[in-house]
Amino acid sequence: MNIAQALQTRYATKVFDPTRTISEQDMASLLDVMRLAPSSVNVQPWHFIVTSTDTGKARVNQGAQGPYAYNAPKVQNASHVVVVCSKIHMDDDYLLSLLEREEHDGRFAKDPSFKETYHGIRSTFVNLHRYQLKDTQHWMEKQTYLNIGALLTAAAAMGIDALPMEGFDLPALDKEFDLPAQNLSAICVIALGYRADSDFNADLPKSRWPLSTIITEV
């Protein structure tokens, strides 16, 4: 199945089959996708809480109370659940630790002088959002959504169903997992697994604007 075919068949899964679980091998592949996803100047401003246990899911469902209770069964019946978190602040220490990681991974082996050059380039972009645009947290969330897109696409290509959910009490998740103390904030919850036969959304035709509406060739 190519990527276009995978995206044609994927959909927002509303009912998961609680008897089916994602294999360890497939889940490891998805975790690698999350690790390898792109971000602007490689800032990687994300963290993920992953669970497949009833205890872990119950903790995630602390954010599915009251007006968000309709999402609780999706979490409970999914094979795995991911709480997607984004950094709140990005300081100089983080940028330096990222630079050292890149050096460890051989990014500057061919030209060691490029280490400081790249640090300057990345700092320029980060400081643009810090001091001029003053939207660092929002910018980091946008980078994290690139990761979400990669995960959803990979899951579809692997025949794994998924549902990204913003319909959660995200401050409740921040509290449950003590995220602000870790310089993190929850931005989305993703349920992963396999659709149930009773899922009404599975057989509905996909609806998208035609290419003529969304593409301008120049």
Protein backbone atom coordinates (compact mmCIF):
# COMPACT_ATOMS: atom_id res chain seq x y z
CA MET A 1 0.00 0.00 0.00
CA ASN A 2 1.45 3.38 -0.97
CA ILE A 3 1.02 6.48 1.16
CA ALA A 4 -1.84 7.93 -0.92
CA GLN A 5 -3.75 4.64 -0.62
CA ALA A 6 -3.10 4.57 3.12
CA LEU A 7 -4.49 8.07 3.53
CA GLN A 8 -7.50 7.14 1.42
CA THR A 9 -8.37 4.31 3.79
CA ARG A 10 -7.53 5.94 7.14
CA TYR A 11 -10.22 7.75 9.10
CA ALA A 12 -10.92 9.05 12.59
CA THR A 13 -11.70 5.81 14.39
CA LYS A 14 -14.62 6.25 16.77
CA VAL A 15 -14.95 2.72 18.20
CA PHE A 16 -11.96 0.49 18.94
CA ASP A 17 -11.96 -3.29 19.28
CA PRO A 18 -10.70 -3.92 22.84
CA THR A 19 -9.73 -7.52 21.98
CA ARG A 20 -7.08 -6.52 19.45
CA THR A 21 -3.66 -5.16 20.37
CA ILE A 22 -0.80 -3.70 18.38
CA SER A 23 2.18 -6.05 18.25
CA GLU A 24 5.37 -5.09 20.07
CA GLN A 25 7.20 -4.92 16.74
CA ASP A 26 4.63 -2.59 15.16
CA MET A 27 4.51 -0.40 18.24
CA ALA A 28 8.30 -0.17 18.24
CA SER A 29 8.12 1.01 14.62
CA LEU A 30 5.60 3.72 15.54
CA LEU A 31 7.78 4.89 18.41
CA ASP A 32 10.69 5.17 15.98
CA VAL A 33 8.52 7.27 13.67
CA MET A 34 7.83 9.61 16.59
CA ARG A 35 11.54 9.80 17.33
CA LEU A 36 12.50 10.44 13.70
CA ALA A 37 9.78 12.93 12.77
CA PRO A 38 10.94 16.30 11.37
CA SER A 39 10.94 19.63 13.15
CA SER A 40 12.18 23.10 12.26
CA VAL A 41 15.96 23.34 12.78
CA ASN A 42 15.70 19.96 14.51
CA VAL A 43 14.42 21.43 17.79
CA GLN A 44 12.39 18.28 18.64
CA PRO A 45 10.29 20.08 21.28
CA TRP A 46 8.17 17.06 22.19
CA HIS A 47 7.62 14.34 24.73
CA PHE A 48 5.16 11.44 24.70
CA ILE A 49 3.41 9.52 27.46
CA VAL A 50 2.55 6.08 26.07
CA THR A 51 0.37 3.49 27.77
CA SER A 52 -1.32 0.19 26.97
CA THR A 53 -2.38 -0.70 30.52
CA ASP A 54 -5.71 -0.18 32.23
CA THR A 55 -3.97 1.79 34.96
CA GLY A 56 -2.28 4.10 32.48
CA LYS A 57 -5.46 4.58 30.48
CA ALA A 58 -7.36 5.45 33.66
CA ARG A 59 -4.81 8.17 34.33
CA VAL A 60 -5.21 9.53 30.79
CA ASN A 61 -8.96 9.49 31.29
CA GLN A 62 -8.59 12.00 34.11
CA GLY A 63 -8.75 14.38 31.17
CA ALA A 64 -11.92 12.78 29.81
CA GLN A 65 -14.33 13.87 32.51
CA GLY A 66 -17.47 16.01 32.33
CA PRO A 67 -17.94 17.46 28.83
CA TYR A 68 -15.12 15.27 27.52
CA ALA A 69 -16.47 11.97 28.86
CA TYR A 70 -17.48 10.86 25.35
CA ASN A 71 -13.79 10.24 24.61
CA ALA A 72 -13.17 8.00 27.62
CA PRO A 73 -14.30 4.73 25.93
CA LYS A 74 -11.96 5.40 23.01
CA VAL A 75 -9.02 5.58 25.38
CA GLN A 76 -10.14 2.54 27.36
CA ASN A 77 -10.72 0.31 24.32
CA ALA A 78 -7.71 1.35 22.26
CA SER A 79 -4.64 -0.85 22.19
CA HIS A 80 -2.27 2.01 23.00
CA VAL A 81 -2.75 5.65 23.94
CA VAL A 82 -0.29 8.51 23.46
CA VAL A 83 -0.45 11.80 25.34
CA VAL A 84 1.38 14.24 23.08
CA CYS A 85 3.25 16.94 24.97
CA SER A 86 5.10 20.02 23.79
CA LYS A 87 7.71 22.08 25.58
CA ILE A 88 6.61 25.33 27.20
CA HIS A 89 9.96 27.14 27.09
CA MET A 90 13.16 26.56 25.15
CA ASP A 91 16.25 27.86 26.93
CA ASP A 92 19.93 28.05 25.99
CA ASP A 93 20.80 24.95 28.01
CA TYR A 94 18.38 22.91 25.91
CA LEU A 95 19.88 24.23 22.69
CA LEU A 96 23.37 23.33 23.87
CA SER A 97 22.31 19.83 24.93
CA LEU A 98 20.71 19.36 21.53
CA LEU A 99 23.93 20.47 19.85
CA GLU A 100 25.93 17.94 21.88
CA ARG A 101 23.49 15.20 20.91
CA GLU A 102 23.95 16.07 17.25
CA GLU A 103 27.71 15.97 17.65
CA HIS A 104 27.47 12.58 19.39
CA ASP A 105 25.42 11.30 16.45
CA GLY A 106 28.07 12.41 13.96
CA ARG A 107 26.32 15.39 12.44
CA PHE A 108 29.55 17.43 12.41
CA ALA A 109 32.09 14.67 11.79
CA LYS A 110 32.92 15.81 8.26
CA ASP A 111 33.25 19.47 9.18
CA PRO A 112 33.64 20.18 12.94
CA SER A 113 33.48 23.92 12.30
CA PHE A 114 29.87 23.53 11.20
CA LYS A 115 28.87 22.79 14.80
CA GLU A 116 29.05 26.43 15.87
CA THR A 117 27.63 27.61 12.55
CA TYR A 118 24.58 25.42 12.94
CA HIS A 119 24.17 26.44 16.56
CA GLY A 120 24.09 30.05 15.39
CA ILE A 121 21.55 29.30 12.68
CA ARG A 122 19.24 27.45 15.06
CA SER A 123 19.60 30.10 17.75
CA THR A 124 18.63 32.76 15.22
CA PHE A 125 15.34 31.02 14.48
CA VAL A 126 14.61 30.23 18.12
CA ASN A 127 15.39 33.80 19.19
CA LEU A 128 13.11 35.11 16.45
CA HIS A 129 10.22 33.36 18.16
CA ARG A 130 11.47 34.17 21.65
CA TYR A 131 12.08 37.88 21.37
CA GLN A 132 10.50 39.26 18.20
CA LEU A 133 7.42 37.18 17.48
CA LYS A 134 7.02 36.19 21.14
CA ASP A 135 5.25 32.98 20.17
CA THR A 136 7.78 30.32 21.22
CA GLN A 137 5.27 27.97 22.83
CA HIS A 138 2.90 28.16 19.87
CA TRP A 139 5.80 27.62 17.46
CA MET A 140 6.91 24.53 19.35
CA GLU A 141 3.36 23.18 19.30
CA LYS A 142 3.34 23.57 15.52
CA GLN A 143 6.53 21.52 15.33
CA THR A 144 4.91 18.87 17.51
CA TYR A 145 1.94 18.67 15.13
CA LEU A 146 4.39 17.71 12.40
CA ASN A 147 5.18 14.71 14.59
CA ILE A 148 1.48 13.90 14.96
CA GLY A 149 1.09 13.95 11.17
CA ALA A 150 4.00 11.56 10.76
CA LEU A 151 2.55 9.19 13.36
CA LEU A 152 -0.93 9.16 11.82
CA THR A 153 0.47 8.58 8.33
CA ALA A 154 2.75 5.77 9.49
CA ALA A 155 -0.08 4.09 11.40
CA ALA A 156 -2.30 4.20 8.32
CA ALA A 157 0.45 2.69 6.16
CA MET A 158 0.79 -0.13 8.70
CA GLY A 159 -2.93 -0.84 8.81
CA ILE A 160 -3.28 0.54 12.33
CA ASP A 161 -6.26 2.73 13.15
CA ALA A 162 -5.90 5.98 15.03
CA LEU A 163 -7.83 8.86 16.51
CA PRO A 164 -6.20 12.18 17.45
CA MET A 165 -8.26 13.96 20.12
CA GLU A 166 -8.11 17.57 21.24
CA GLY A 167 -11.41 17.05 23.05
CA PHE A 168 -9.73 16.57 26.41
CA ASP A 169 -9.28 18.56 29.58
CA LEU A 170 -5.64 19.23 28.80
CA PRO A 171 -4.95 21.18 32.02
CA ALA A 172 -6.19 18.10 33.92
CA LEU A 173 -3.62 15.99 32.06
CA ASP A 174 -0.93 18.55 32.87
CA LYS A 175 -1.84 18.12 36.54
CA GLU A 176 -2.16 14.33 36.43
CA PHE A 177 1.32 13.86 34.97
CA ASP A 178 2.93 16.91 36.63
CA LEU A 179 3.85 18.21 33.20
CA PRO A 180 4.55 21.92 33.90
CA ALA A 181 7.28 20.89 36.36
CA GLN A 182 8.90 19.12 33.41
CA ASN A 183 8.55 22.15 31.12
CA LEU A 184 5.79 20.34 29.21
CA SER A 185 2.13 20.79 28.38
CA ALA A 186 -0.30 18.27 26.88
CA ILE A 187 -1.66 19.28 23.48
CA CYS A 188 -3.37 16.16 22.15
CA VAL A 189 -4.25 12.53 22.93
CA ILE A 190 -3.96 9.84 20.26
CA ALA A 191 -5.70 6.48 20.52
CA LEU A 192 -4.15 3.66 18.48
CA GLY A 193 -5.52 0.21 17.73
CA TYR A 194 -8.01 -1.48 15.45
CA ARG A 195 -11.53 -0.49 14.54
CA ALA A 196 -14.55 -2.35 15.89
CA ASP A 197 -17.16 -3.70 13.48
CA SER A 198 -19.68 -1.36 15.15
CA ASP A 199 -17.78 1.80 14.21
CA PHE A 200 -20.26 3.86 12.20
CA ASN A 201 -17.48 6.05 10.80
CA ALA A 202 -15.59 3.18 9.15
CA ASP A 203 -17.78 2.87 6.07
CA LEU A 204 -18.58 6.51 5.46
CA PRO A 205 -17.09 7.90 2.24
CA LYS A 206 -14.13 10.23 2.62
CA SER A 207 -14.91 13.87 1.91
CA ARG A 208 -12.17 16.26 0.81
CA TRP A 209 -12.00 19.33 -1.41
CA PRO A 210 -11.00 18.44 -4.98
CA LEU A 211 -7.48 19.25 -6.15
CA SER A 212 -8.87 22.04 -8.35
CA THR A 213 -9.99 23.83 -5.18
CA ILE A 214 -6.87 23.47 -3.08
CA ILE A 215 -4.06 23.54 -5.68
CA THR A 216 -2.88 26.58 -7.62
CA GLU A 217 -0.21 25.83 -10.20
CA VAL A 218 1.96 28.78 -11.21
